[in-house]
Amino acid sequence: MIDDIDVSILKQLQKDARLSFAEVGRTIKLSASAVRERILKMEDTGVIKKYGIEIDHSKVGYDLEAFILVKVFHGKLKLLLSTIPSISEIEKAYRITGNQNIHLKVILKNQLHLQQLIDKLMPFGDTHTLLILSDVSSNDS
């Protein structure tokens, strides 16, 4: 189980996973060694699953982001689930409840690229596409 100090550490790491133990410790008034011990424990117990980076996709030629909801055709779910990992445009994929079965977040170069991806998904089910205009959860909106 994690406590309030662990939650504070996690919040710091979510903002910037490259922070040193000392930097995290200064922010939450804890020694670097204590922060290190807590982080290692959270890694060992699976609370912290991995570290990553956030990419500005537009700076590498991918100017379009979208959500695609898929209402999978009867008998096609297992095939779609096994195909998703091979589709490089898919950043995140979720099984969901409701009228659709799959929720995809995709990163694309342009509208033609989106059309090609939708064509690739159509044999698996009906798609509903929502273009992402901006991320309102960050300060960069």
N, C-alpha and C. Protein backbone atom coordinates (compact mmCIF):
# COMPACT_ATOMS: atom_id res chain seq x y z
N MET A 1 0.84 -1.19 0.00
CA MET A 1 0.00 0.00 0.00
C MET A 1 0.88 1.25 0.00
N ILE A 2 0.43 2.27 -0.68
CA ILE A 2 1.21 3.51 -0.70
C ILE A 2 0.61 4.53 0.24
N ASP A 3 1.45 5.44 0.71
CA ASP A 3 0.98 6.49 1.62
C ASP A 3 1.04 7.85 0.93
N ASP A 4 0.75 8.91 1.69
CA ASP A 4 0.72 10.26 1.13
C ASP A 4 2.09 10.69 0.58
N ILE A 5 3.16 10.24 1.21
CA ILE A 5 4.50 10.59 0.73
C ILE A 5 4.75 9.94 -0.63
N ASP A 6 4.36 8.67 -0.77
CA ASP A 6 4.49 7.99 -2.06
C ASP A 6 3.68 8.71 -3.14
N VAL A 7 2.48 9.13 -2.79
CA VAL A 7 1.63 9.87 -3.74
C VAL A 7 2.33 11.16 -4.18
N SER A 8 2.95 11.85 -3.24
CA SER A 8 3.69 13.08 -3.58
C SER A 8 4.85 12.79 -4.51
N ILE A 9 5.55 11.70 -4.26
CA ILE A 9 6.66 11.30 -5.14
C ILE A 9 6.13 10.99 -6.53
N LEU A 10 5.04 10.24 -6.60
CA LEU A 10 4.46 9.89 -7.90
C LEU A 10 4.04 11.13 -8.68
N LYS A 11 3.47 12.10 -8.00
CA LYS A 11 3.05 13.34 -8.67
C LYS A 11 4.26 14.06 -9.27
N GLN A 12 5.36 14.10 -8.53
CA GLN A 12 6.58 14.73 -9.03
C GLN A 12 7.11 13.99 -10.25
N LEU A 13 7.12 12.66 -10.19
CA LEU A 13 7.63 11.87 -11.30
C LEU A 13 6.72 11.95 -12.52
N GLN A 14 5.42 12.12 -12.31
CA GLN A 14 4.51 12.27 -13.44
C GLN A 14 4.78 13.58 -14.18
N LYS A 15 5.16 14.60 -13.46
CA LYS A 15 5.48 15.88 -14.09
C LYS A 15 6.79 15.79 -14.85
N ASP A 16 7.78 15.09 -14.27
CA ASP A 16 9.09 14.96 -14.89
C ASP A 16 9.78 13.72 -14.33
N ALA A 17 9.76 12.64 -15.10
CA ALA A 17 10.35 11.37 -14.65
C ALA A 17 11.86 11.41 -14.58
N ARG A 18 12.47 12.48 -15.08
CA ARG A 18 13.94 12.58 -15.07
C ARG A 18 14.46 13.28 -13.81
N LEU A 19 13.58 13.67 -12.92
CA LEU A 19 14.03 14.31 -11.68
C LEU A 19 14.94 13.37 -10.89
N SER A 20 15.96 13.91 -10.29
CA SER A 20 16.84 13.10 -9.45
C SER A 20 16.14 12.83 -8.12
N PHE A 21 16.64 11.86 -7.40
CA PHE A 21 16.10 11.57 -6.07
C PHE A 21 16.21 12.81 -5.19
N ALA A 22 17.33 13.53 -5.29
CA ALA A 22 17.54 14.73 -4.48
C ALA A 22 16.53 15.82 -4.83
N GLU A 23 16.25 16.00 -6.13
CA GLU A 23 15.27 17.02 -6.53
C GLU A 23 13.88 16.69 -6.02
N VAL A 24 13.50 15.45 -6.12
CA VAL A 24 12.19 15.03 -5.60
C VAL A 24 12.16 15.24 -4.09
N GLY A 25 13.23 14.83 -3.43
CA GLY A 25 13.32 14.98 -1.97
C GLY A 25 13.21 16.41 -1.51
N ARG A 26 13.87 17.33 -2.20
CA ARG A 26 13.78 18.76 -1.83
C ARG A 26 12.35 19.25 -1.91
N THR A 27 11.63 18.82 -2.93
CA THR A 27 10.25 19.27 -3.13
C THR A 27 9.33 18.76 -2.02
N ILE A 28 9.54 17.53 -1.58
CA ILE A 28 8.62 16.95 -0.59
C ILE A 28 9.25 16.84 0.80
N LYS A 29 10.42 17.44 0.99
CA LYS A 29 11.09 17.48 2.31
C LYS A 29 11.45 16.09 2.81
N LEU A 30 12.20 15.36 1.96
CA LEU A 30 12.63 14.01 2.29
C LEU A 30 14.05 13.83 1.74
N SER A 31 14.85 13.02 2.39
CA SER A 31 16.22 12.80 1.92
C SER A 31 16.22 12.04 0.59
N ALA A 32 17.29 12.22 -0.17
CA ALA A 32 17.42 11.54 -1.46
C ALA A 32 17.41 10.02 -1.28
N SER A 33 18.07 9.54 -0.23
CA SER A 33 18.10 8.08 -0.01
C SER A 33 16.71 7.53 0.34
N ALA A 34 15.93 8.29 1.09
CA ALA A 34 14.56 7.86 1.42
C ALA A 34 13.69 7.84 0.17
N VAL A 35 13.86 8.86 -0.70
CA VAL A 35 13.11 8.90 -1.96
C VAL A 35 13.49 7.70 -2.82
N ARG A 36 14.79 7.44 -2.92
CA ARG A 36 15.27 6.30 -3.71
C ARG A 36 14.66 4.99 -3.22
N GLU A 37 14.69 4.80 -1.92
CA GLU A 37 14.14 3.57 -1.33
C GLU A 37 12.66 3.42 -1.66
N ARG A 38 11.91 4.51 -1.55
CA ARG A 38 10.47 4.47 -1.83
C ARG A 38 10.21 4.20 -3.32
N ILE A 39 10.97 4.85 -4.19
CA ILE A 39 10.78 4.64 -5.63
C ILE A 39 11.10 3.20 -6.01
N LEU A 40 12.21 2.67 -5.49
CA LEU A 40 12.56 1.28 -5.78
C LEU A 40 11.47 0.32 -5.29
N LYS A 41 10.92 0.60 -4.14
CA LYS A 41 9.83 -0.25 -3.61
C LYS A 41 8.61 -0.18 -4.53
N MET A 42 8.28 1.04 -5.01
CA MET A 42 7.13 1.17 -5.90
C MET A 42 7.39 0.50 -7.25
N GLU A 43 8.62 0.49 -7.70
CA GLU A 43 8.97 -0.24 -8.93
C GLU A 43 8.83 -1.74 -8.70
N ASP A 44 9.36 -2.23 -7.57
CA ASP A 44 9.32 -3.66 -7.26
C ASP A 44 7.89 -4.19 -7.12
N THR A 45 7.01 -3.36 -6.54
CA THR A 45 5.62 -3.80 -6.32
C THR A 45 4.72 -3.54 -7.52
N GLY A 46 5.26 -2.91 -8.55
CA GLY A 46 4.47 -2.67 -9.76
C GLY A 46 3.63 -1.41 -9.74
N VAL A 47 3.76 -0.60 -8.70
CA VAL A 47 3.04 0.67 -8.67
C VAL A 47 3.56 1.55 -9.82
N ILE A 48 4.88 1.61 -9.96
CA ILE A 48 5.50 2.29 -11.09
C ILE A 48 5.80 1.20 -12.12
N LYS A 49 5.10 1.26 -13.27
CA LYS A 49 5.26 0.22 -14.28
C LYS A 49 6.36 0.54 -15.27
N LYS A 50 6.50 1.81 -15.65
CA LYS A 50 7.54 2.18 -16.60
C LYS A 50 7.69 3.70 -16.62
N TYR A 51 8.78 4.14 -17.21
CA TYR A 51 9.05 5.55 -17.39
C TYR A 51 8.97 5.83 -18.88
N GLY A 52 8.61 7.06 -19.24
CA GLY A 52 8.49 7.34 -20.66
C GLY A 52 8.76 8.80 -20.99
N ILE A 53 8.53 9.11 -22.25
CA ILE A 53 8.70 10.48 -22.72
C ILE A 53 7.41 10.93 -23.39
N GLU A 54 7.25 12.21 -23.51
CA GLU A 54 6.12 12.78 -24.24
C GLU A 54 6.69 13.46 -25.48
N ILE A 55 6.19 13.07 -26.63
CA ILE A 55 6.70 13.57 -27.90
C ILE A 55 5.75 14.61 -28.47
N ASP A 56 6.30 15.68 -29.02
CA ASP A 56 5.50 16.63 -29.78
C ASP A 56 5.45 16.08 -31.20
N HIS A 57 4.39 15.35 -31.50
CA HIS A 57 4.29 14.64 -32.77
C HIS A 57 4.32 15.59 -33.97
N SER A 58 3.82 16.80 -33.80
CA SER A 58 3.80 17.74 -34.93
C SER A 58 5.22 18.10 -35.38
N LYS A 59 6.18 18.02 -34.46
CA LYS A 59 7.56 18.37 -34.80
C LYS A 59 8.28 17.25 -35.55
N VAL A 60 7.65 16.09 -35.64
CA VAL A 60 8.23 14.99 -36.42
C VAL A 60 7.31 14.59 -37.57
N GLY A 61 6.44 15.53 -37.98
CA GLY A 61 5.62 15.33 -39.18
C GLY A 61 4.27 14.67 -38.99
N TYR A 62 3.83 14.50 -37.77
CA TYR A 62 2.52 13.90 -37.50
C TYR A 62 1.61 14.98 -36.91
N ASP A 63 0.86 15.64 -37.79
CA ASP A 63 0.08 16.82 -37.41
C ASP A 63 -1.35 16.52 -37.00
N LEU A 64 -1.78 15.29 -37.11
CA LEU A 64 -3.17 14.95 -36.83
C LEU A 64 -3.26 13.88 -35.75
N GLU A 65 -4.07 14.15 -34.75
CA GLU A 65 -4.37 13.16 -33.71
C GLU A 65 -5.87 12.95 -33.70
N ALA A 66 -6.28 11.73 -33.44
CA ALA A 66 -7.71 11.43 -33.45
C ALA A 66 -8.00 10.28 -32.50
N PHE A 67 -9.28 10.21 -32.12
CA PHE A 67 -9.80 9.04 -31.43
C PHE A 67 -10.65 8.30 -32.46
N ILE A 68 -10.49 7.00 -32.52
CA ILE A 68 -11.34 6.19 -33.38
C ILE A 68 -12.03 5.16 -32.50
N LEU A 69 -13.35 5.17 -32.54
CA LEU A 69 -14.15 4.19 -31.82
C LEU A 69 -14.57 3.12 -32.82
N VAL A 70 -14.42 1.87 -32.42
CA VAL A 70 -14.75 0.77 -33.33
C VAL A 70 -15.84 -0.09 -32.70
N LYS A 71 -16.94 -0.25 -33.44
CA LYS A 71 -17.97 -1.21 -33.07
C LYS A 71 -17.66 -2.47 -33.87
N VAL A 72 -17.05 -3.42 -33.21
CA VAL A 72 -16.48 -4.59 -33.86
C VAL A 72 -17.59 -5.52 -34.37
N PHE A 73 -17.40 -6.02 -35.59
CA PHE A 73 -18.33 -6.99 -36.17
C PHE A 73 -18.26 -8.29 -35.39
N HIS A 74 -19.38 -9.01 -35.34
CA HIS A 74 -19.45 -10.29 -34.64
C HIS A 74 -18.35 -11.22 -35.16
N GLY A 75 -17.58 -11.79 -34.23
CA GLY A 75 -16.55 -12.75 -34.58
C GLY A 75 -15.21 -12.14 -34.98
N LYS A 76 -15.09 -10.81 -34.95
CA LYS A 76 -13.86 -10.16 -35.40
C LYS A 76 -13.01 -9.58 -34.26
N LEU A 77 -13.49 -9.65 -33.02
CA LEU A 77 -12.79 -9.01 -31.91
C LEU A 77 -11.39 -9.59 -31.70
N LYS A 78 -11.26 -10.90 -31.62
CA LYS A 78 -9.94 -11.50 -31.38
C LYS A 78 -8.96 -11.14 -32.49
N LEU A 79 -9.44 -11.13 -33.72
CA LEU A 79 -8.57 -10.79 -34.85
C LEU A 79 -8.13 -9.33 -34.76
N LEU A 80 -9.05 -8.43 -34.42
CA LEU A 80 -8.68 -7.02 -34.27
C LEU A 80 -7.69 -6.84 -33.12
N LEU A 81 -7.94 -7.48 -31.99
CA LEU A 81 -7.04 -7.36 -30.85
C LEU A 81 -5.63 -7.86 -31.19
N SER A 82 -5.53 -8.88 -32.00
CA SER A 82 -4.21 -9.39 -32.37
C SER A 82 -3.55 -8.52 -33.45
N THR A 83 -4.34 -7.73 -34.17
CA THR A 83 -3.81 -6.86 -35.23
C THR A 83 -3.35 -5.51 -34.69
N ILE A 84 -4.00 -5.01 -33.65
CA ILE A 84 -3.71 -3.67 -33.12
C ILE A 84 -2.22 -3.43 -32.85
N PRO A 85 -1.49 -4.35 -32.22
CA PRO A 85 -0.07 -4.08 -31.95
C PRO A 85 0.78 -3.84 -33.21
N SER A 86 0.33 -4.32 -34.35
CA SER A 86 1.10 -4.15 -35.58
C SER A 86 0.77 -2.86 -36.33
N ILE A 87 -0.19 -2.09 -35.84
CA ILE A 87 -0.56 -0.84 -36.51
C ILE A 87 0.16 0.30 -35.80
N SER A 88 1.19 0.80 -36.44
CA SER A 88 2.08 1.78 -35.80
C SER A 88 1.40 3.11 -35.48
N GLU A 89 0.35 3.45 -36.18
CA GLU A 89 -0.34 4.72 -35.93
C GLU A 89 -1.10 4.73 -34.61
N ILE A 90 -1.35 3.57 -34.04
CA ILE A 90 -2.12 3.49 -32.80
C ILE A 90 -1.19 3.74 -31.62
N GLU A 91 -1.47 4.83 -30.89
CA GLU A 91 -0.69 5.18 -29.71
C GLU A 91 -1.22 4.47 -28.47
N LYS A 92 -2.54 4.40 -28.35
CA LYS A 92 -3.20 3.73 -27.22
C LYS A 92 -4.43 3.01 -27.73
N ALA A 93 -4.74 1.88 -27.12
CA ALA A 93 -5.93 1.12 -27.49
C ALA A 93 -6.57 0.57 -26.23
N TYR A 94 -7.89 0.71 -26.15
CA TYR A 94 -8.63 0.27 -24.97
C TYR A 94 -9.86 -0.52 -25.38
N ARG A 95 -10.17 -1.56 -24.63
CA ARG A 95 -11.49 -2.20 -24.73
C ARG A 95 -12.40 -1.41 -23.81
N ILE A 96 -13.57 -1.09 -24.30
CA ILE A 96 -14.48 -0.23 -23.54
C ILE A 96 -15.89 -0.82 -23.52
N THR A 97 -16.72 -0.26 -22.63
CA THR A 97 -18.13 -0.62 -22.60
C THR A 97 -18.91 0.41 -23.41
N GLY A 98 -20.16 0.09 -23.72
CA GLY A 98 -20.99 1.01 -24.48
C GLY A 98 -21.26 0.49 -25.87
N ASN A 99 -21.63 1.39 -26.77
CA ASN A 99 -21.99 0.99 -28.13
C ASN A 99 -20.79 0.50 -28.94
N GLN A 100 -19.62 1.00 -28.64
CA GLN A 100 -18.41 0.55 -29.31
C GLN A 100 -17.62 -0.38 -28.40
N ASN A 101 -16.72 -1.18 -28.98
CA ASN A 101 -15.92 -2.13 -28.21
C ASN A 101 -14.49 -1.66 -27.98
N ILE A 102 -13.97 -0.87 -28.93
CA ILE A 102 -12.56 -0.48 -28.92
C ILE A 102 -12.45 1.03 -29.07
N HIS A 103 -11.57 1.64 -28.26
CA HIS A 103 -11.28 3.08 -28.33
C HIS A 103 -9.80 3.21 -28.63
N LEU A 104 -9.48 3.84 -29.76
CA LEU A 104 -8.10 4.00 -30.19
C LEU A 104 -7.70 5.46 -30.18
N LYS A 105 -6.50 5.76 -29.73
CA LYS A 105 -5.92 7.08 -29.92
C LYS A 105 -4.85 6.90 -30.98
N VAL A 106 -4.96 7.67 -32.07
CA VAL A 106 -4.06 7.49 -33.19
C VAL A 106 -3.32 8.79 -33.51
N ILE A 107 -2.11 8.65 -34.03
CA ILE A 107 -1.26 9.76 -34.43
C ILE A 107 -0.99 9.60 -35.93
N LEU A 108 -1.29 10.67 -36.70
CA LEU A 108 -1.24 10.56 -38.15
C LEU A 108 -0.59 11.78 -38.78
N LYS A 109 -0.14 11.61 -40.02
CA LYS A 109 0.50 12.72 -40.74
C LYS A 109 -0.52 13.75 -41.22
N ASN A 110 -1.64 13.25 -41.79
CA ASN A 110 -2.62 14.15 -42.40
C ASN A 110 -3.93 13.40 -42.61
N GLN A 111 -4.86 14.05 -43.31
CA GLN A 111 -6.18 13.45 -43.53
C GLN A 111 -6.10 12.20 -44.41
N LEU A 112 -5.23 12.21 -45.40
CA LEU A 112 -5.07 11.03 -46.24
C LEU A 112 -4.58 9.84 -45.42
N HIS A 113 -3.65 10.08 -44.52
CA HIS A 113 -3.15 9.04 -43.63
C HIS A 113 -4.29 8.50 -42.76
N LEU A 114 -5.16 9.40 -42.27
CA LEU A 114 -6.33 8.99 -41.49
C LEU A 114 -7.24 8.11 -42.32
N GLN A 115 -7.48 8.53 -43.56
CA GLN A 115 -8.35 7.74 -44.45
C GLN A 115 -7.79 6.35 -44.65
N GLN A 116 -6.48 6.25 -44.85
CA GLN A 116 -5.84 4.94 -45.05
C GLN A 116 -5.97 4.06 -43.81
N LEU A 117 -5.85 4.67 -42.63
CA LEU A 117 -6.00 3.89 -41.40
C LEU A 117 -7.44 3.41 -41.22
N ILE A 118 -8.39 4.29 -41.49
CA ILE A 118 -9.80 3.89 -41.39
C ILE A 118 -10.08 2.74 -42.35
N ASP A 119 -9.55 2.83 -43.57
CA ASP A 119 -9.73 1.74 -44.54
C ASP A 119 -9.16 0.43 -44.00
N LYS A 120 -8.05 0.51 -43.27
CA LYS A 120 -7.42 -0.68 -42.68
C LYS A 120 -8.29 -1.27 -41.56
N LEU A 121 -9.03 -0.40 -40.85
CA LEU A 121 -9.85 -0.85 -39.72
C LEU A 121 -11.25 -1.31 -40.14
N MET A 122 -11.73 -0.85 -41.28
CA MET A 122 -13.12 -1.13 -41.68
C MET A 122 -13.48 -2.61 -41.77
N PRO A 123 -12.58 -3.51 -42.16
CA PRO A 123 -12.96 -4.93 -42.19
C PRO A 123 -13.30 -5.50 -40.80
N PHE A 124 -12.88 -4.81 -39.75
CA PHE A 124 -13.11 -5.31 -38.39
C PHE A 124 -14.40 -4.79 -37.78
N GLY A 125 -14.91 -3.66 -38.27
CA GLY A 125 -16.12 -3.11 -37.68
C GLY A 125 -16.41 -1.71 -38.17
N ASP A 126 -17.48 -1.14 -37.64
CA ASP A 126 -17.86 0.23 -37.97
C ASP A 126 -17.02 1.19 -37.14
N THR A 127 -16.54 2.25 -37.78
CA THR A 127 -15.68 3.21 -37.08
C THR A 127 -16.39 4.54 -36.91
N HIS A 128 -16.02 5.23 -35.86
CA HIS A 128 -16.49 6.59 -35.59
C HIS A 128 -15.25 7.38 -35.19
N THR A 129 -14.93 8.43 -35.95
CA THR A 129 -13.69 9.16 -35.76
C THR A 129 -13.93 10.54 -35.18
N LEU A 130 -13.11 10.90 -34.20
CA LEU A 130 -13.16 12.22 -33.57
C LEU A 130 -11.77 12.83 -33.66
N LEU A 131 -11.64 13.98 -34.30
CA LEU A 131 -10.35 14.66 -34.39
C LEU A 131 -10.05 15.36 -33.08
N ILE A 132 -8.82 15.29 -32.63
CA ILE A 132 -8.40 15.98 -31.41
C ILE A 132 -7.94 17.38 -31.80
N LEU A 133 -8.56 18.38 -31.22
CA LEU A 133 -8.19 19.77 -31.51
C LEU A 133 -7.07 20.25 -30.61
N SER A 134 -7.17 19.93 -29.30
CA SER A 134 -6.14 20.34 -28.36
C SER A 134 -6.26 19.52 -27.09
N ASP A 135 -5.18 19.56 -26.30
CA ASP A 135 -5.14 18.87 -25.01
C ASP A 135 -5.41 19.93 -23.94
N VAL A 136 -6.58 19.90 -23.35
CA VAL A 136 -6.95 20.91 -22.37
C VAL A 136 -6.48 20.56 -20.96
N SER A 137 -5.88 19.36 -20.79
CA SER A 137 -5.39 18.97 -19.46
C SER A 137 -4.01 19.50 -19.19
N SER A 138 -3.34 20.04 -20.20
CA SER A 138 -2.00 20.58 -20.00
C SER A 138 -2.00 22.09 -20.19
N ASN A 139 -0.88 22.71 -19.89
CA ASN A 139 -0.75 24.15 -20.07
C ASN A 139 -0.48 24.52 -21.51
N ASP A 140 -0.28 23.54 -22.39
CA ASP A 140 0.09 23.79 -23.76
C ASP A 140 -1.10 23.99 -24.68
N SER A 141 -2.31 24.04 -24.16
CA SER A 141 -3.49 24.11 -25.03
C SER A 141 -3.59 25.43 -25.64
